[in-house]
Amino acid sequence: RGVRVYFEVNPGPYGASESSFIGETLTRLGVKNIIPAHLG
């Protein structure tokens, strides 16, 4: 819990931010997403 995570959706690279449904899942897991919500 509390570790910082980067989730890559596709090469590009495209990542999943805090505002994505994947980001919601990471939040429910109690970890920190490195991509802030304001990036989309």
All heavy atoms as atom14 arrays in JSON, in Angstrom:
{
  "sequence": "RGVRVYFEVNPGPYGASESSFIGETLTRLGVKNIIPAHLG",
  "atom14_mask": [
    [1, 1, 1, 1, 1, 1, 1, 1, 1, 1, 1, 0, 0, 0],
    [1, 1, 1, 1, 0, 0, 0, 0, 0, 0, 0, 0, 0, 0],
    [1, 1, 1, 1, 1, 1, 1, 0, 0, 0, 0, 0, 0, 0],
    [1, 1, 1, 1, 1, 1, 1, 1, 1, 1, 1, 0, 0, 0],
    [1, 1, 1, 1, 1, 1, 1, 0, 0, 0, 0, 0, 0, 0],
    [1, 1, 1, 1, 1, 1, 1, 1, 1, 1, 1, 1, 0, 0],
    [1, 1, 1, 1, 1, 1, 1, 1, 1, 1, 1, 0, 0, 0],
    [1, 1, 1, 1, 1, 1, 1, 1, 1, 0, 0, 0, 0, 0],
    [1, 1, 1, 1, 1, 1, 1, 0, 0, 0, 0, 0, 0, 0],
    [1, 1, 1, 1, 1, 1, 1, 1, 0, 0, 0, 0, 0, 0],
    [1, 1, 1, 1, 1, 1, 1, 0, 0, 0, 0, 0, 0, 0],
    [1, 1, 1, 1, 0, 0, 0, 0, 0, 0, 0, 0, 0, 0],
    [1, 1, 1, 1, 1, 1, 1, 0, 0, 0, 0, 0, 0, 0],
    [1, 1, 1, 1, 1, 1, 1, 1, 1, 1, 1, 1, 0, 0],
    [1, 1, 1, 1, 0, 0, 0, 0, 0, 0, 0, 0, 0, 0],
    [1, 1, 1, 1, 1, 0, 0, 0, 0, 0, 0, 0, 0, 0],
    [1, 1, 1, 1, 1, 1, 0, 0, 0, 0, 0, 0, 0, 0],
    [1, 1, 1, 1, 1, 1, 1, 1, 1, 0, 0, 0, 0, 0],
    [1, 1, 1, 1, 1, 1, 0, 0, 0, 0, 0, 0, 0, 0],
    [1, 1, 1, 1, 1, 1, 0, 0, 0, 0, 0, 0, 0, 0],
    [1, 1, 1, 1, 1, 1, 1, 1, 1, 1, 1, 0, 0, 0],
    [1, 1, 1, 1, 1, 1, 1, 1, 0, 0, 0, 0, 0, 0],
    [1, 1, 1, 1, 0, 0, 0, 0, 0, 0, 0, 0, 0, 0],
    [1, 1, 1, 1, 1, 1, 1, 1, 1, 0, 0, 0, 0, 0],
    [1, 1, 1, 1, 1, 1, 1, 0, 0, 0, 0, 0, 0, 0],
    [1, 1, 1, 1, 1, 1, 1, 1, 0, 0, 0, 0, 0, 0],
    [1, 1, 1, 1, 1, 1, 1, 0, 0, 0, 0, 0, 0, 0],
    [1, 1, 1, 1, 1, 1, 1, 1, 1, 1, 1, 0, 0, 0],
    [1, 1, 1, 1, 1, 1, 1, 1, 0, 0, 0, 0, 0, 0],
    [1, 1, 1, 1, 0, 0, 0, 0, 0, 0, 0, 0, 0, 0],
    [1, 1, 1, 1, 1, 1, 1, 0, 0, 0, 0, 0, 0, 0],
    [1, 1, 1, 1, 1, 1, 1, 1, 1, 0, 0, 0, 0, 0],
    [1, 1, 1, 1, 1, 1, 1, 1, 0, 0, 0, 0, 0, 0],
    [1, 1, 1, 1, 1, 1, 1, 1, 0, 0, 0, 0, 0, 0],
    [1, 1, 1, 1, 1, 1, 1, 1, 0, 0, 0, 0, 0, 0],
    [1, 1, 1, 1, 1, 1, 1, 0, 0, 0, 0, 0, 0, 0],
    [1, 1, 1, 1, 1, 0, 0, 0, 0, 0, 0, 0, 0, 0],
    [1, 1, 1, 1, 1, 1, 1, 1, 1, 1, 0, 0, 0, 0],
    [1, 1, 1, 1, 1, 1, 1, 1, 0, 0, 0, 0, 0, 0],
    [1, 1, 1, 1, 0, 0, 0, 0, 0, 0, 0, 0, 0, 0]
  ],
  "atom14_positions": [
    [[0.83, -1.2, 0.0], [0.0, 0.0, 0.0], [0.88, 1.26, 0.0], [1.89, 1.33, 0.67], [-0.95, 0.01, 1.21], [-1.88, -1.2, 1.2], [-2.91, -1.15, 2.31], [-3.71, -2.38, 2.32], [-4.75, -2.6, 1.54], [-5.12, -1.66, 0.69], [-5.42, -3.73, 1.62], [0.0, 0.0, 0.0], [0.0, 0.0, 0.0], [0.0, 0.0, 0.0]],
    [[0.44, 2.22, -0.78], [1.16, 3.48, -0.86], [2.27, 3.52, -1.89], [2.9, 4.57, -2.09], [0.0, 0.0, 0.0], [0.0, 0.0, 0.0], [0.0, 0.0, 0.0], [0.0, 0.0, 0.0], [0.0, 0.0, 0.0], [0.0, 0.0, 0.0], [0.0, 0.0, 0.0], [0.0, 0.0, 0.0], [0.0, 0.0, 0.0], [0.0, 0.0, 0.0]],
    [[2.55, 2.4, -2.57], [3.59, 2.43, -3.59], [3.12, 3.26, -4.79], [1.92, 3.44, -5.02], [3.98, 1.0, -4.06], [4.5, 0.19, -2.9], [2.82, 0.3, -4.74], [0.0, 0.0, 0.0], [0.0, 0.0, 0.0], [0.0, 0.0, 0.0], [0.0, 0.0, 0.0], [0.0, 0.0, 0.0], [0.0, 0.0, 0.0], [0.0, 0.0, 0.0]],
    [[4.07, 3.77, -5.54], [3.78, 4.64, -6.69], [3.8, 3.78, -7.95], [4.77, 3.09, -8.23], [4.79, 5.77, -6.73], [4.75, 6.6, -5.44], [5.9, 7.58, -5.33], [5.82, 8.6, -6.37], [6.59, 8.65, -7.45], [7.51, 7.69, -7.65], [6.45, 9.6, -8.34], [0.0, 0.0, 0.0], [0.0, 0.0, 0.0], [0.0, 0.0, 0.0]],
    [[2.71, 3.86, -8.73], [2.49, 2.96, -9.85], [2.34, 3.72, -11.16], [1.7, 4.78, -11.21], [1.22, 2.09, -9.61], [0.93, 1.21, -10.81], [1.39, 1.25, -8.34], [0.0, 0.0, 0.0], [0.0, 0.0, 0.0], [0.0, 0.0, 0.0], [0.0, 0.0, 0.0], [0.0, 0.0, 0.0], [0.0, 0.0, 0.0], [0.0, 0.0, 0.0]],
    [[2.94, 3.17, -12.2], [2.69, 3.64, -13.57], [2.0, 2.52, -14.33], [2.53, 1.41, -14.43], [4.0, 4.03, -14.27], [3.83, 4.23, -15.77], [2.99, 5.22, -16.26], [4.5, 3.42, -16.68], [2.83, 5.4, -17.63], [4.35, 3.6, -18.05], [3.51, 4.59, -18.52], [3.34, 4.76, -19.87], [0.0, 0.0, 0.0], [0.0, 0.0, 0.0]],
    [[0.81, 2.81, -14.88], [0.08, 1.83, -15.68], [0.05, 2.33, -17.12], [-0.52, 3.37, -17.42], [-1.36, 1.67, -15.15], [-2.1, 0.52, -15.79], [-2.35, -0.64, -15.08], [-2.54, 0.61, -17.1], [-3.03, -1.7, -15.67], [-3.23, -0.45, -17.7], [-3.46, -1.6, -16.98], [0.0, 0.0, 0.0], [0.0, 0.0, 0.0], [0.0, 0.0, 0.0]],
    [[0.68, 1.55, -18.01], [0.71, 1.91, -19.43], [-0.41, 1.18, -20.18], [-0.48, -0.05, -20.15], [2.06, 1.58, -20.05], [2.17, 2.01, -21.52], [3.6, 2.13, -21.97], [4.39, 2.84, -21.29], [3.95, 1.51, -23.0], [0.0, 0.0, 0.0], [0.0, 0.0, 0.0], [0.0, 0.0, 0.0], [0.0, 0.0, 0.0], [0.0, 0.0, 0.0]],
    [[-1.25, 1.94, -20.87], [-2.38, 1.37, -21.58], [-1.95, 0.87, -22.96], [-2.36, -0.21, -23.41], [-3.51, 2.4, -21.71], [-4.68, 1.84, -22.52], [-3.98, 2.85, -20.34], [0.0, 0.0, 0.0], [0.0, 0.0, 0.0], [0.0, 0.0, 0.0], [0.0, 0.0, 0.0], [0.0, 0.0, 0.0], [0.0, 0.0, 0.0], [0.0, 0.0, 0.0]],
    [[-1.14, 1.68, -23.65], [-0.7, 1.36, -25.0], [0.68, 1.96, -25.24], [1.04, 2.97, -24.6], [-1.67, 1.93, -26.05], [-2.75, 0.93, -26.43], [-2.47, -0.26, -26.59], [-3.98, 1.4, -26.56], [0.0, 0.0, 0.0], [0.0, 0.0, 0.0], [0.0, 0.0, 0.0], [0.0, 0.0, 0.0], [0.0, 0.0, 0.0], [0.0, 0.0, 0.0]],
    [[1.46, 1.38, -26.17], [2.72, 2.04, -26.55], [2.4, 3.44, -27.06], [1.35, 3.7, -27.62], [3.27, 1.14, -27.66], [2.58, -0.17, -27.49], [1.23, 0.14, -26.94], [0.0, 0.0, 0.0], [0.0, 0.0, 0.0], [0.0, 0.0, 0.0], [0.0, 0.0, 0.0], [0.0, 0.0, 0.0], [0.0, 0.0, 0.0], [0.0, 0.0, 0.0]],
    [[3.32, 4.33, -26.87], [3.1, 5.72, -27.28], [4.06, 6.67, -26.57], [4.74, 7.45, -27.2], [0.0, 0.0, 0.0], [0.0, 0.0, 0.0], [0.0, 0.0, 0.0], [0.0, 0.0, 0.0], [0.0, 0.0, 0.0], [0.0, 0.0, 0.0], [0.0, 0.0, 0.0], [0.0, 0.0, 0.0], [0.0, 0.0, 0.0], [0.0, 0.0, 0.0]],
    [[4.19, 6.57, -25.21], [3.33, 5.74, -24.36], [2.05, 6.49, -23.93], [2.07, 7.7, -23.73], [4.21, 5.45, -23.15], [5.11, 6.66, -23.06], [5.33, 7.14, -24.47], [0.0, 0.0, 0.0], [0.0, 0.0, 0.0], [0.0, 0.0, 0.0], [0.0, 0.0, 0.0], [0.0, 0.0, 0.0], [0.0, 0.0, 0.0], [0.0, 0.0, 0.0]],
    [[0.96, 5.75, -23.8], [-0.28, 6.26, -23.24], [-0.46, 5.63, -21.87], [-0.42, 4.4, -21.73], [-1.48, 5.9, -24.12], [-1.51, 6.62, -25.44], [-0.9, 6.05, -26.56], [-2.14, 7.85, -25.58], [-0.93, 6.7, -27.79], [-2.18, 8.51, -26.81], [-1.56, 7.93, -27.9], [-1.58, 8.57, -29.12], [0.0, 0.0, 0.0], [0.0, 0.0, 0.0]],
    [[-0.67, 6.48, -20.86], [-0.84, 5.97, -19.5], [-2.24, 6.2, -18.98], [-3.01, 7.0, -19.52], [0.0, 0.0, 0.0], [0.0, 0.0, 0.0], [0.0, 0.0, 0.0], [0.0, 0.0, 0.0], [0.0, 0.0, 0.0], [0.0, 0.0, 0.0], [0.0, 0.0, 0.0], [0.0, 0.0, 0.0], [0.0, 0.0, 0.0], [0.0, 0.0, 0.0]],
    [[-2.58, 5.48, -17.91], [-3.88, 5.65, -17.24], [-3.7, 6.59, -16.06], [-2.92, 6.3, -15.15], [-4.4, 4.29, -16.77], [0.0, 0.0, 0.0], [0.0, 0.0, 0.0], [0.0, 0.0, 0.0], [0.0, 0.0, 0.0], [0.0, 0.0, 0.0], [0.0, 0.0, 0.0], [0.0, 0.0, 0.0], [0.0, 0.0, 0.0], [0.0, 0.0, 0.0]],
    [[-4.41, 7.7, -16.08], [-4.25, 8.69, -15.01], [-5.2, 8.42, -13.86], [-6.01, 7.49, -13.88], [-4.52, 10.1, -15.56], [-5.91, 10.37, -15.57], [0.0, 0.0, 0.0], [0.0, 0.0, 0.0], [0.0, 0.0, 0.0], [0.0, 0.0, 0.0], [0.0, 0.0, 0.0], [0.0, 0.0, 0.0], [0.0, 0.0, 0.0], [0.0, 0.0, 0.0]],
    [[-5.12, 9.26, -12.84], [-6.0, 9.15, -11.68], [-7.47, 9.26, -12.05], [-8.33, 8.71, -11.36], [-5.66, 10.23, -10.65], [-4.29, 10.09, -10.02], [-3.93, 11.28, -9.16], [-4.23, 12.43, -9.56], [-3.35, 11.08, -8.08], [0.0, 0.0, 0.0], [0.0, 0.0, 0.0], [0.0, 0.0, 0.0], [0.0, 0.0, 0.0], [0.0, 0.0, 0.0]],
    [[-7.78, 9.99, -13.13], [-9.19, 10.21, -13.5], [-9.77, 9.09, -14.35], [-10.96, 9.12, -14.66], [-9.33, 11.54, -14.25], [-8.65, 11.51, -15.5], [0.0, 0.0, 0.0], [0.0, 0.0, 0.0], [0.0, 0.0, 0.0], [0.0, 0.0, 0.0], [0.0, 0.0, 0.0], [0.0, 0.0, 0.0], [0.0, 0.0, 0.0], [0.0, 0.0, 0.0]],
    [[-8.98, 8.12, -14.76], [-9.47, 7.01, -15.56], [-10.09, 5.94, -14.67], [-9.87, 5.92, -13.46], [-8.34, 6.39, -16.38], [-7.42, 5.72, -15.53], [0.0, 0.0, 0.0], [0.0, 0.0, 0.0], [0.0, 0.0, 0.0], [0.0, 0.0, 0.0], [0.0, 0.0, 0.0], [0.0, 0.0, 0.0], [0.0, 0.0, 0.0], [0.0, 0.0, 0.0]],
    [[-10.85, 5.03, -15.27], [-11.42, 3.94, -14.47], [-10.32, 3.04, -13.94], [-10.43, 2.46, -12.85], [-12.44, 3.14, -15.29], [-11.85, 2.31, -16.39], [-11.5, 0.99, -16.18], [-11.62, 2.85, -17.65], [-10.95, 0.22, -17.2], [-11.08, 2.1, -18.67], [-10.73, 0.78, -18.45], [0.0, 0.0, 0.0], [0.0, 0.0, 0.0], [0.0, 0.0, 0.0]],
    [[-9.21, 2.92, -14.68], [-8.06, 2.16, -14.18], [-7.45, 2.87, -12.97], [-7.07, 2.26, -11.98], [-7.01, 1.96, -15.29], [-7.59, 1.09, -16.4], [-5.72, 1.35, -14.74], [-6.72, 1.0, -17.64], [0.0, 0.0, 0.0], [0.0, 0.0, 0.0], [0.0, 0.0, 0.0], [0.0, 0.0, 0.0], [0.0, 0.0, 0.0], [0.0, 0.0, 0.0]],
    [[-7.38, 4.2, -13.06], [-6.9, 4.99, -11.93], [-7.79, 4.83, -10.71], [-7.29, 4.78, -9.58], [0.0, 0.0, 0.0], [0.0, 0.0, 0.0], [0.0, 0.0, 0.0], [0.0, 0.0, 0.0], [0.0, 0.0, 0.0], [0.0, 0.0, 0.0], [0.0, 0.0, 0.0], [0.0, 0.0, 0.0], [0.0, 0.0, 0.0], [0.0, 0.0, 0.0]],
    [[-9.1, 4.74, -10.93], [-10.02, 4.49, -9.82], [-9.7, 3.16, -9.14], [-9.76, 3.04, -7.91], [-11.46, 4.48, -10.32], [-12.03, 5.83, -10.68], [-13.5, 5.71, -11.06], [-14.35, 5.75, -10.15], [-13.79, 5.56, -12.26], [0.0, 0.0, 0.0], [0.0, 0.0, 0.0], [0.0, 0.0, 0.0], [0.0, 0.0, 0.0], [0.0, 0.0, 0.0]],
    [[-9.4, 2.16, -9.96], [-9.07, 0.84, -9.4], [-7.8, 0.93, -8.57], [-7.73, 0.37, -7.46], [-8.91, -0.2, -10.52], [-10.11, -0.26, -11.29], [-8.62, -1.57, -9.95], [0.0, 0.0, 0.0], [0.0, 0.0, 0.0], [0.0, 0.0, 0.0], [0.0, 0.0, 0.0], [0.0, 0.0, 0.0], [0.0, 0.0, 0.0], [0.0, 0.0, 0.0]],
    [[-6.8, 1.62, -9.07], [-5.55, 1.77, -8.32], [-5.8, 2.48, -6.99], [-5.22, 2.13, -5.96], [-4.53, 2.54, -9.16], [-3.96, 1.8, -10.38], [-3.12, 2.74, -11.23], [-3.13, 0.59, -9.95], [0.0, 0.0, 0.0], [0.0, 0.0, 0.0], [0.0, 0.0, 0.0], [0.0, 0.0, 0.0], [0.0, 0.0, 0.0], [0.0, 0.0, 0.0]],
    [[-6.69, 3.48, -7.01], [-7.02, 4.18, -5.78], [-7.69, 3.25, -4.78], [-7.38, 3.26, -3.59], [-7.95, 5.37, -6.08], [-7.27, 6.32, -6.92], [-8.39, 6.07, -4.8], [0.0, 0.0, 0.0], [0.0, 0.0, 0.0], [0.0, 0.0, 0.0], [0.0, 0.0, 0.0], [0.0, 0.0, 0.0], [0.0, 0.0, 0.0], [0.0, 0.0, 0.0]],
    [[-8.58, 2.39, -5.28], [-9.24, 1.43, -4.38], [-8.25, 0.43, -3.81], [-8.45, -0.1, -2.71], [-10.37, 0.7, -5.12], [-11.55, 1.59, -5.43], [-12.74, 0.81, -5.97], [-13.36, -0.05, -4.96], [-14.51, -0.7, -5.14], [-15.16, -0.58, -6.29], [-15.01, -1.47, -4.19], [0.0, 0.0, 0.0], [0.0, 0.0, 0.0], [0.0, 0.0, 0.0]],
    [[-7.16, 0.19, -4.54], [-6.12, -0.7, -4.04], [-5.2, -0.01, -3.04], [-4.35, -0.66, -2.43], [-5.3, -1.25, -5.21], [-6.01, -2.29, -6.08], [-5.2, -2.56, -7.36], [-6.22, -3.59, -5.31], [0.0, 0.0, 0.0], [0.0, 0.0, 0.0], [0.0, 0.0, 0.0], [0.0, 0.0, 0.0], [0.0, 0.0, 0.0], [0.0, 0.0, 0.0]],
    [[-5.35, 1.29, -2.89], [-4.55, 2.01, -1.9], [-3.16, 2.36, -2.35], [-2.26, 2.57, -1.52], [0.0, 0.0, 0.0], [0.0, 0.0, 0.0], [0.0, 0.0, 0.0], [0.0, 0.0, 0.0], [0.0, 0.0, 0.0], [0.0, 0.0, 0.0], [0.0, 0.0, 0.0], [0.0, 0.0, 0.0], [0.0, 0.0, 0.0], [0.0, 0.0, 0.0]],
    [[-2.94, 2.45, -3.68], [-1.62, 2.82, -4.19], [-1.7, 4.19, -4.86], [-2.79, 4.73, -5.09], [-1.08, 1.76, -5.18], [-0.9, 0.44, -4.47], [-1.98, 1.61, -6.39], [0.0, 0.0, 0.0], [0.0, 0.0, 0.0], [0.0, 0.0, 0.0], [0.0, 0.0, 0.0], [0.0, 0.0, 0.0], [0.0, 0.0, 0.0], [0.0, 0.0, 0.0]],
    [[-0.56, 4.75, -5.21], [-0.48, 6.1, -5.76], [-0.2, 6.03, -7.25], [0.77, 5.4, -7.69], [0.63, 6.88, -5.04], [0.91, 8.25, -5.63], [-0.27, 9.2, -5.47], [0.07, 10.58, -6.01], [-1.12, 11.47, -5.99], [0.0, 0.0, 0.0], [0.0, 0.0, 0.0], [0.0, 0.0, 0.0], [0.0, 0.0, 0.0], [0.0, 0.0, 0.0]],
    [[-1.04, 6.68, -8.03], [-0.84, 6.77, -9.48], [0.08, 7.95, -9.78], [-0.16, 9.06, -9.3], [-2.21, 6.98, -10.15], [-2.18, 6.8, -11.65], [-1.16, 7.03, -12.29], [-3.3, 6.42, -12.21], [0.0, 0.0, 0.0], [0.0, 0.0, 0.0], [0.0, 0.0, 0.0], [0.0, 0.0, 0.0], [0.0, 0.0, 0.0], [0.0, 0.0, 0.0]],
    [[1.12, 7.73, -10.57], [2.06, 8.82, -10.85], [1.51, 9.82, -11.86], [2.08, 10.91, -12.03], [3.41, 8.28, -11.37], [3.25, 7.65, -12.77], [4.04, 7.32, -10.37], [4.55, 7.49, -13.52], [0.0, 0.0, 0.0], [0.0, 0.0, 0.0], [0.0, 0.0, 0.0], [0.0, 0.0, 0.0], [0.0, 0.0, 0.0], [0.0, 0.0, 0.0]],
    [[0.38, 9.49, -12.54], [-0.15, 10.4, -13.57], [-1.33, 11.16, -12.98], [-2.36, 10.56, -12.65], [-0.6, 9.63, -14.82], [0.52, 8.74, -15.33], [-1.05, 10.6, -15.91], [0.13, 7.87, -16.51], [0.0, 0.0, 0.0], [0.0, 0.0, 0.0], [0.0, 0.0, 0.0], [0.0, 0.0, 0.0], [0.0, 0.0, 0.0], [0.0, 0.0, 0.0]],
    [[-1.23, 12.48, -12.83], [-2.31, 13.26, -12.2], [-3.55, 13.33, -13.07], [-3.5, 13.21, -14.3], [-1.67, 14.64, -12.01], [-0.6, 14.71, -13.04], [-0.07, 13.32, -13.2], [0.0, 0.0, 0.0], [0.0, 0.0, 0.0], [0.0, 0.0, 0.0], [0.0, 0.0, 0.0], [0.0, 0.0, 0.0], [0.0, 0.0, 0.0], [0.0, 0.0, 0.0]],
    [[-4.68, 13.57, -12.42], [-5.97, 13.58, -13.11], [-6.08, 14.68, -14.16], [-6.74, 14.51, -15.18], [-7.09, 13.73, -12.08], [0.0, 0.0, 0.0], [0.0, 0.0, 0.0], [0.0, 0.0, 0.0], [0.0, 0.0, 0.0], [0.0, 0.0, 0.0], [0.0, 0.0, 0.0], [0.0, 0.0, 0.0], [0.0, 0.0, 0.0], [0.0, 0.0, 0.0]],
    [[-5.4, 15.82, -13.92], [-5.58, 16.97, -14.82], [-5.03, 16.72, -16.22], [-5.33, 17.49, -17.15], [-4.96, 18.23, -14.21], [-3.46, 18.22, -14.14], [-2.65, 18.51, -15.22], [-2.63, 17.96, -13.1], [-1.39, 18.43, -14.86], [-1.34, 18.1, -13.58], [0.0, 0.0, 0.0], [0.0, 0.0, 0.0], [0.0, 0.0, 0.0], [0.0, 0.0, 0.0]],
    [[-4.26, 15.65, -16.41], [-3.75, 15.33, -17.75], [-4.78, 14.63, -18.61], [-4.55, 14.38, -19.79], [-2.49, 14.47, -17.64], [-1.25, 15.15, -17.03], [-0.06, 14.17, -17.02], [-0.89, 16.42, -17.79], [0.0, 0.0, 0.0], [0.0, 0.0, 0.0], [0.0, 0.0, 0.0], [0.0, 0.0, 0.0], [0.0, 0.0, 0.0], [0.0, 0.0, 0.0]],
    [[-5.94, 14.31, -18.04], [-6.95, 13.56, -18.78], [-6.86, 12.08, -18.46], [-5.86, 11.61, -17.91], [0.0, 0.0, 0.0], [0.0, 0.0, 0.0], [0.0, 0.0, 0.0], [0.0, 0.0, 0.0], [0.0, 0.0, 0.0], [0.0, 0.0, 0.0], [0.0, 0.0, 0.0], [0.0, 0.0, 0.0], [0.0, 0.0, 0.0], [0.0, 0.0, 0.0]]
  ]
}
